[in-house]
Protein backbone atom coordinates (compact mmCIF):
# COMPACT_ATOMS: atom_id res chain seq x y z
CA MET A 1 15.39 -9.50 23.38
CA ARG A 2 17.67 -10.35 20.54
CA VAL A 3 15.49 -10.07 17.42
CA ALA A 4 16.36 -11.21 13.92
CA ILE A 5 14.68 -9.41 10.99
CA VAL A 6 14.88 -11.19 7.64
CA THR A 7 14.01 -9.16 4.57
CA GLU A 8 14.78 -9.25 0.88
CA THR A 9 14.26 -5.49 0.43
CA TRP A 10 15.86 -2.70 2.44
CA PRO A 11 16.81 0.92 1.86
CA PRO A 12 18.22 2.46 -0.28
CA GLU A 13 15.56 0.53 -2.22
CA ILE A 14 12.48 2.72 -2.03
CA ASN A 15 9.25 0.75 -1.66
CA GLY A 16 6.67 0.30 1.01
CA VAL A 17 8.06 -2.97 2.29
CA ALA A 18 11.67 -1.73 2.67
CA LEU A 19 10.64 1.45 4.48
CA THR A 20 8.10 -0.31 6.71
CA VAL A 21 10.58 -3.00 7.78
CA GLN A 22 13.29 -0.42 8.48
CA ALA A 23 10.83 1.57 10.61
CA LEU A 24 9.97 -1.60 12.57
CA ALA A 25 13.67 -2.32 13.14
CA ARG A 26 14.32 1.24 14.35
CA GLY A 27 11.32 1.09 16.64
CA LEU A 28 12.58 -2.11 18.29
CA ASP A 29 16.02 -0.57 18.64
CA ARG A 30 14.61 2.49 20.39
CA LEU A 31 12.79 0.15 22.82
CA GLY A 32 16.10 -1.47 23.78
CA HIS A 33 15.96 -4.68 21.75
CA ARG A 34 19.11 -5.90 19.96
CA VAL A 35 18.26 -6.13 16.28
CA GLU A 36 20.09 -8.07 13.60
CA VAL A 37 19.08 -7.71 9.96
CA ILE A 38 19.51 -10.50 7.45
CA ARG A 39 19.22 -9.23 3.87
CA PRO A 40 20.69 -9.55 0.38
CA ARG A 41 23.93 -7.79 -0.41
CA PRO A 42 23.05 -4.49 -2.13
CA ALA A 43 23.44 -4.14 -5.85
CA GLN A 44 26.78 -2.85 -7.13
CA GLY A 45 26.99 0.89 -6.64
CA ALA A 46 24.49 1.02 -3.80
CA ALA A 47 26.87 -0.09 -1.04
CA ALA A 48 27.93 3.47 -0.16
CA GLU A 49 24.33 4.24 0.75
CA THR A 50 23.77 1.24 2.92
CA GLN A 51 25.90 1.73 5.99
CA SER A 52 23.70 0.01 8.49
CA GLU A 53 22.77 1.12 11.98
CA PHE A 54 22.19 -2.56 12.88
CA GLU A 55 24.21 -5.74 13.09
CA GLU A 56 23.87 -7.36 9.69
CA MET A 57 24.38 -10.56 7.76
CA LEU A 58 24.49 -9.97 4.00
CA VAL A 59 23.73 -12.84 1.65
CA GLY A 60 23.90 -13.27 -2.09
CA GLY A 61 21.13 -11.75 -4.11
CA ALA A 62 19.89 -11.18 -7.62
CA ALA A 63 17.49 -8.85 -9.41
CA LEU A 64 13.89 -9.93 -9.82
CA PRO A 65 13.14 -10.92 -13.44
CA ARG A 66 11.30 -8.08 -15.27
CA TYR A 67 11.81 -5.91 -12.17
CA PRO A 68 15.51 -5.02 -11.92
CA GLY A 69 14.94 -2.38 -9.24
CA LEU A 70 14.10 -5.08 -6.68
CA ARG A 71 16.18 -8.03 -5.52
CA PHE A 72 15.69 -11.37 -3.80
CA GLY A 73 18.06 -13.16 -1.48
CA MET A 74 19.55 -16.59 -1.83
CA ARG A 75 18.23 -19.27 0.55
CA SER A 76 21.43 -19.29 2.65
CA GLN A 77 20.04 -21.85 5.02
CA ALA A 78 23.39 -23.40 6.02
CA ARG A 79 24.85 -19.98 6.88
CA LEU A 80 21.85 -19.08 8.92
CA LEU A 81 21.99 -22.33 10.87
CA ARG A 82 25.66 -21.79 11.71
CA ARG A 83 25.08 -18.18 12.73
CA TRP A 84 22.06 -18.88 14.91
CA ARG A 85 23.53 -21.94 16.61
CA GLU A 86 26.26 -19.67 17.90
CA THR A 87 24.10 -16.61 18.72
CA PRO A 88 20.43 -17.49 18.40
CA PRO A 89 17.85 -14.73 18.39
CA GLN A 90 15.00 -15.11 20.86
CA VAL A 91 12.45 -14.33 18.18
CA MET A 92 12.42 -13.65 14.43
CA TYR A 93 10.42 -11.56 11.96
CA VAL A 94 10.45 -12.72 8.30
CA ALA A 95 9.19 -9.92 6.11
CA THR A 96 9.41 -11.47 2.61
CA GLU A 97 8.43 -14.77 0.98
CA GLY A 98 11.48 -15.18 -1.28
CA PRO A 99 14.21 -17.83 -1.11
CA LEU A 100 15.94 -16.05 1.83
CA GLY A 101 12.67 -15.93 3.76
CA HIS A 102 12.07 -19.64 3.14
CA GLY A 103 15.61 -20.50 4.29
CA ALA A 104 15.18 -18.41 7.43
CA LEU A 105 11.88 -20.01 8.34
CA THR A 106 13.33 -23.53 7.88
CA ALA A 107 16.36 -22.66 10.00
CA ALA A 108 14.19 -21.15 12.72
CA ARG A 109 12.00 -24.26 12.88
CA ARG A 110 15.05 -26.53 13.16
CA LEU A 111 16.52 -24.43 16.01
CA GLY A 112 13.23 -23.85 17.82
CA ILE A 113 13.29 -20.08 17.32
CA PRO A 114 9.76 -18.61 17.30
CA ALA A 115 9.15 -16.74 14.05
CA CYS A 116 6.37 -14.55 12.67
CA THR A 117 5.97 -13.36 9.11
CA GLY A 118 4.67 -10.20 7.52
CA PHE A 119 2.12 -10.26 4.70
CA HIS A 120 3.39 -7.17 2.80
CA THR A 121 2.94 -7.93 -0.89
CA ARG A 122 0.21 -9.52 -3.01
CA PHE A 123 2.52 -11.50 -5.27
CA ASP A 124 -0.50 -13.53 -6.39
CA ASP A 125 -1.98 -10.35 -7.91
CA PHE A 126 1.38 -9.21 -9.31
CA ILE A 127 1.94 -12.32 -11.32
CA GLY A 128 -1.08 -11.60 -13.50
CA HIS A 129 0.31 -8.19 -14.46
CA TYR A 130 3.50 -9.79 -15.74
CA GLY A 131 1.87 -12.21 -18.18
CA PHE A 132 1.17 -15.30 -16.01
CA PRO A 133 -2.41 -14.98 -14.72
CA TRP A 134 -2.85 -18.76 -14.66
CA LEU A 135 -0.21 -18.97 -11.94
CA THR A 136 -2.19 -16.77 -9.49
CA PRO A 137 -3.86 -19.61 -7.54
CA LEU A 138 -0.56 -21.54 -7.30
CA VAL A 139 1.32 -18.48 -6.08
CA PHE A 140 -1.36 -17.79 -3.48
CA ALA A 141 -1.27 -21.39 -2.27
CA GLY A 142 2.51 -21.17 -1.96
CA MET A 143 2.20 -17.97 0.05
CA ARG A 144 -0.30 -19.64 2.37
CA ARG A 145 2.02 -22.64 2.95
CA PHE A 146 4.90 -20.23 3.68
CA HIS A 147 3.04 -18.09 6.21
CA ASN A 148 1.39 -21.10 7.92
CA ARG A 149 4.86 -22.40 8.86
CA ALA A 150 5.25 -19.41 11.18
CA ALA A 151 3.79 -18.85 14.64
CA ALA A 152 1.84 -15.80 13.35
CA THR A 153 1.30 -13.74 10.23
CA LEU A 154 1.15 -9.97 10.69
CA VAL A 155 -1.17 -7.86 8.54
CA PRO A 156 -1.89 -4.11 8.54
CA THR A 157 -5.72 -4.02 8.21
CA THR A 158 -8.71 -5.85 9.65
CA GLU A 159 -9.97 -6.30 6.06
CA LEU A 160 -6.89 -8.24 5.01
CA ALA A 161 -6.88 -10.23 8.26
CA GLU A 162 -10.43 -11.40 7.61
CA PHE A 163 -9.69 -12.21 4.00
CA LEU A 164 -6.63 -14.35 4.84
CA ARG A 165 -8.39 -16.21 7.66
CA ASN A 166 -11.22 -17.09 5.26
CA LYS A 167 -8.58 -18.40 2.84
CA GLY A 168 -6.97 -20.78 5.30
CA PHE A 169 -4.21 -18.66 6.82
CA LEU A 170 -3.57 -19.52 10.43
CA ASN A 171 -2.73 -17.25 13.39
CA VAL A 172 -3.29 -13.96 11.57
CA ARG A 173 -2.61 -10.99 13.80
CA LEU A 174 -3.12 -7.29 13.25
CA LEU A 175 -0.17 -4.86 13.34
CA ARG A 176 -1.35 -1.44 12.24
CA ARG A 177 0.76 1.00 10.24
CA ALA A 178 1.72 4.52 11.24
CA VAL A 179 2.91 7.61 9.41
CA ASP A 180 5.55 10.18 10.34
CA THR A 181 3.27 13.19 10.76
CA GLU A 182 6.20 15.46 11.64
CA LEU A 183 7.90 14.76 8.33
CA PHE A 184 4.75 14.57 6.18
CA HIS A 185 3.10 17.87 6.90
CA PRO A 186 1.42 20.69 4.94
CA VAL A 187 4.12 23.07 6.21
CA TRP A 188 6.44 21.71 3.49
CA ARG A 189 4.37 23.26 0.68
CA ASP A 190 6.91 24.99 -1.57
CA GLU A 191 5.82 27.67 -4.05
CA ASP A 192 9.26 27.69 -5.70
CA LEU A 193 8.88 24.00 -6.45
CA ARG A 194 5.42 24.57 -7.86
CA ARG A 195 6.84 27.25 -10.14
CA GLN A 196 9.45 24.73 -11.32
CA TRP A 197 6.57 22.51 -12.24
CA GLY A 198 5.24 25.34 -14.44
CA LEU A 199 2.32 26.23 -12.17
CA LYS A 200 1.01 29.69 -11.50
CA VAL A 201 -1.09 30.69 -8.49
CA GLY A 202 -4.38 28.79 -8.52
CA HIS A 203 -3.23 26.13 -10.96
CA LEU A 204 -3.73 22.48 -10.01
CA ALA A 205 -0.95 19.99 -9.24
CA VAL A 206 -2.09 16.34 -9.36
CA VAL A 207 0.45 14.04 -7.66
CA HIS A 208 1.19 10.32 -7.67
CA VAL A 209 3.94 8.73 -5.54
CA GLY A 210 5.03 5.10 -5.91
CA ARG A 211 6.83 2.48 -7.93
CA LEU A 212 6.17 2.88 -11.67
CA ALA A 213 5.29 -0.76 -12.37
CA ALA A 214 2.60 -2.69 -14.25
CA GLU A 215 0.74 -3.78 -11.14
CA LYS A 216 0.19 -0.16 -10.06
CA ASN A 217 -2.58 0.52 -12.62
CA LEU A 218 -0.88 3.72 -13.77
CA ASP A 219 -2.80 3.91 -17.04
CA LEU A 220 -5.91 4.72 -14.97
CA ALA A 221 -4.02 7.61 -13.36
CA VAL A 222 -3.10 8.87 -16.87
CA ARG A 223 -6.67 8.67 -18.08
CA THR A 224 -7.92 10.38 -14.94
CA PHE A 225 -5.49 13.26 -15.33
CA ARG A 226 -6.44 13.73 -18.97
CA GLN A 227 -10.08 14.02 -17.92
CA ILE A 228 -9.12 16.61 -15.28
CA GLN A 229 -7.03 18.47 -17.85
CA ALA A 230 -10.02 18.77 -20.13
CA SER A 231 -11.56 21.27 -17.68
CA GLN A 232 -8.28 22.58 -16.24
CA PRO A 233 -5.81 22.84 -19.12
CA ASP A 234 -3.13 24.42 -16.92
CA ALA A 235 -3.03 21.44 -14.52
CA ARG A 236 0.18 19.46 -14.24
CA PHE A 237 0.66 15.80 -13.34
CA VAL A 238 3.70 15.17 -11.07
CA ILE A 239 4.87 11.60 -10.77
CA VAL A 240 7.31 10.79 -7.99
CA GLY A 241 9.11 7.45 -8.13
CA ASP A 242 10.76 5.17 -10.63
CA GLY A 243 10.38 1.74 -12.11
CA PRO A 244 10.05 -0.31 -15.29
CA GLU A 245 7.01 1.61 -16.57
CA ARG A 246 8.59 5.06 -16.42
CA GLU A 247 9.99 5.06 -19.94
CA ARG A 248 6.74 3.90 -21.56
CA ILE A 249 4.61 6.47 -19.68
CA ALA A 250 7.06 9.30 -20.29
CA ARG A 251 7.26 8.56 -23.99
CA ALA A 252 3.49 8.67 -24.35
CA ASN A 253 3.06 11.70 -22.06
CA PRO A 254 5.89 14.19 -22.61
CA ASP A 255 4.03 16.92 -20.67
CA PHE A 256 4.13 14.96 -17.41
CA ILE A 257 6.65 15.85 -14.73
CA PHE A 258 8.75 12.85 -13.63
CA ALA A 259 10.43 13.81 -10.36
CA GLY A 260 12.21 10.49 -9.88
CA LEU A 261 13.00 8.97 -6.49
CA ARG A 262 12.70 11.36 -3.53
CA ARG A 263 13.48 10.84 0.13
CA GLY A 264 12.99 12.56 3.47
CA GLU A 265 12.18 16.28 3.46
CA ASP A 266 12.52 16.40 -0.35
CA LEU A 267 9.72 13.81 -0.65
CA ALA A 268 7.65 15.69 1.95
CA ARG A 269 7.91 18.87 -0.19
CA HIS A 270 6.69 17.03 -3.24
CA TYR A 271 3.66 15.73 -1.41
CA ALA A 272 2.75 18.99 0.28
CA SER A 273 3.20 21.04 -2.90
CA GLY A 274 0.48 19.06 -4.65
CA ASP A 275 -3.31 19.66 -4.56
CA LEU A 276 -4.77 16.20 -5.27
CA PHE A 277 -3.34 12.69 -4.84
CA LEU A 278 -4.28 9.81 -7.13
CA PHE A 279 -3.73 6.22 -5.98
CA PRO A 280 -5.14 3.92 -8.65
CA SER A 281 -3.51 0.65 -7.56
CA SER A 282 -5.68 -2.31 -6.54
CA THR A 283 -2.86 -4.72 -5.64
CA GLU A 284 -1.62 -3.29 -2.34
CA THR A 285 -1.75 -4.97 1.06
CA PHE A 286 -1.91 -1.44 2.55
CA GLY A 287 -0.59 1.53 0.59
CA ASN A 288 1.68 3.60 2.83
CA VAL A 289 1.57 6.54 0.38
CA THR A 290 -2.11 7.03 1.21
CA LEU A 291 -1.24 7.96 4.80
CA GLU A 292 1.73 10.09 3.71
CA ALA A 293 -0.49 12.07 1.33
CA MET A 294 -3.19 12.50 3.95
CA ALA A 295 -0.65 13.64 6.53
CA SER A 296 0.61 16.17 3.94
CA GLY A 297 -2.89 17.65 3.70
CA LEU A 298 -3.82 16.20 0.29
CA PRO A 299 -7.25 14.84 -0.59
CA VAL A 300 -6.78 11.29 -1.83
CA VAL A 301 -8.75 9.36 -4.46
CA ALA A 302 -8.23 5.61 -4.00
CA PHE A 303 -10.02 2.31 -4.29
CA ASP A 304 -11.93 1.06 -1.28
CA TYR A 305 -9.50 -1.31 0.38
CA GLY A 306 -6.26 -1.27 2.36
CA ALA A 307 -5.27 2.03 3.87
CA ALA A 308 -8.11 3.84 2.19
CA ARG A 309 -10.75 1.62 3.71
CA GLU A 310 -9.05 1.75 7.11
CA HIS A 311 -8.54 5.51 7.25
CA ILE A 312 -10.73 7.38 4.73
CA THR A 313 -14.37 8.20 5.34
CA ASP A 314 -15.65 8.79 1.83
CA GLN A 315 -16.17 12.45 0.96
CA ARG A 316 -14.81 13.45 4.34
CA HIS A 317 -11.14 12.51 4.30
CA GLY A 318 -10.92 11.68 0.61
CA CYS A 319 -12.76 9.63 -2.02
CA ARG A 320 -13.16 5.85 -1.73
CA VAL A 321 -14.21 4.20 -4.98
CA PRO A 322 -15.43 0.57 -5.24
CA VAL A 323 -12.58 -1.67 -6.32
CA GLY A 324 -12.55 -2.08 -10.12
CA ASP A 325 -14.84 0.92 -10.82
CA GLU A 326 -12.41 2.83 -12.99
CA GLN A 327 -15.03 5.18 -14.39
CA GLY A 328 -16.07 5.97 -10.81
CA PHE A 329 -12.45 6.70 -9.98
CA ILE A 330 -12.14 9.12 -12.91
CA GLU A 331 -15.42 10.86 -12.01
CA ALA A 332 -14.56 11.18 -8.29
CA ALA A 333 -11.12 12.64 -9.05
CA THR A 334 -12.45 15.06 -11.69
CA ALA A 335 -15.21 16.31 -9.37
CA LEU A 336 -12.71 16.88 -6.58
CA ALA A 337 -10.22 18.54 -8.92
CA ASN A 338 -12.90 21.04 -10.00
CA SER A 339 -13.85 22.07 -6.47
CA LEU A 340 -11.19 24.14 -4.66
CA ASP A 341 -13.38 24.45 -1.50
CA ARG A 342 -13.94 20.69 -1.26
CA ARG A 343 -10.31 19.94 -1.82
CA ALA A 344 -9.26 22.35 0.95
CA ARG A 345 -11.83 21.02 3.38
CA ILE A 346 -11.04 17.36 2.71
CA GLY A 347 -7.30 18.01 2.87
CA ARG A 348 -7.60 19.57 6.30
CA ALA A 349 -9.78 16.74 7.53
CA ALA A 350 -7.36 14.14 6.12
CA ARG A 351 -4.43 15.70 7.98
CA LYS A 352 -6.40 15.80 11.21
CA SER A 353 -7.61 12.20 10.88
CA VAL A 354 -4.06 10.73 10.74
CA ALA A 355 -2.38 13.07 13.20
CA SER A 356 -2.64 10.52 16.01
CA LEU A 357 -1.14 7.55 14.09
CA SER A 358 1.98 7.35 16.23
CA PRO A 359 5.02 5.31 15.04
CA GLU A 360 5.79 4.78 18.77
CA SER A 361 2.47 2.98 19.34
CA VAL A 362 3.20 0.64 16.37
CA SER A 363 6.66 -0.12 17.70
CA ALA A 364 5.23 -0.92 21.13
CA SER A 365 2.62 -3.22 19.56
CA PHE A 366 5.30 -5.01 17.50
CA SER A 367 7.51 -5.41 20.56
CA ASN A 368 4.63 -6.79 22.61
CA LEU A 369 3.72 -9.27 19.87
CA LEU A 370 7.28 -10.54 19.56
CA THR A 371 7.54 -10.77 23.35
CA SER A 372 4.37 -12.87 23.47
CA LEU A 373 5.78 -15.28 20.88
CA ASN A 374 8.92 -15.70 22.93
CA GLN A 375 6.91 -16.27 26.09
CA GLU A 376 4.65 -18.81 24.36
CA LYS A 377 7.80 -20.74 23.36
CA ALA A 378 9.13 -20.62 26.93
CA ALA A 379 5.79 -21.88 28.29
């Protein structure tokens, strides 16, 4: 089939949505589908990194207010209509709920192109972290209207599917996530890198990977590490990623190691060279980094939802803490940090539990779902 993928975030932006959507596009391409990607034009200076492997249409874009590292695309509905009248896709996937996503859904409905959407980001939760909590119900209602215009809404967990159905979302379908277990692997552990972090043999490296943003609950990670450090003064906290909160956290915690954005094998080394992974966010739809850490052999401490609920058996593959129980999070992480044997056992079990999460199986499921939408239209 000819498949259009519409997204307002795409590499070299590093975030879960961009990397997930790129992986879906590559999976379809490997299965023989013709993929076109509709996305915002990259920010100035990023163009050299964005030579695409797919046919593309680039539209105007702008930085998100208070979040300059991410962009949104202009609606571009007239351009999309012209393009798709000439060479219409047989099916469409709209990954983001911004102006470009709205324009694409409207164009698809006018042209009779079956479209599904992806529920990747809890913007209703985010808005409260940026000073507008009273807008949360309005944002959620807007997201529901957006997704209900599509033939299906794809979600990564059964928990989220049930939640959205109970909130009036129609045609919610499950598309599970995978992890590249060849890239993210304990074999990448690098003692030279650990020495650069200032660690000696037996010292603890606590790791966090992700966007450094207000909605990620990073202050809890800071408090947790300080509690760990009280019993292990030689421990180091390594933070991989970037974002608007980096300067504030770095200024208050000059002993932390800020590794910045990392990709590919370099990122895999940073995961595998750690000993414990903290994931304090409670605003994810999934949390890809949870699977990446588990595949790297790290015990994970996370709240009980998303990827953690789907893939962690508490105290076997990591620690699942009730959502909102911050003291419980600190206690679980501290207990795990202080037990080398438990960390090693849980890390091995975590790696083993995700070893079968094949990207190929997710690509096949995505392809089958898109094919079914195209067939439903034909019928």
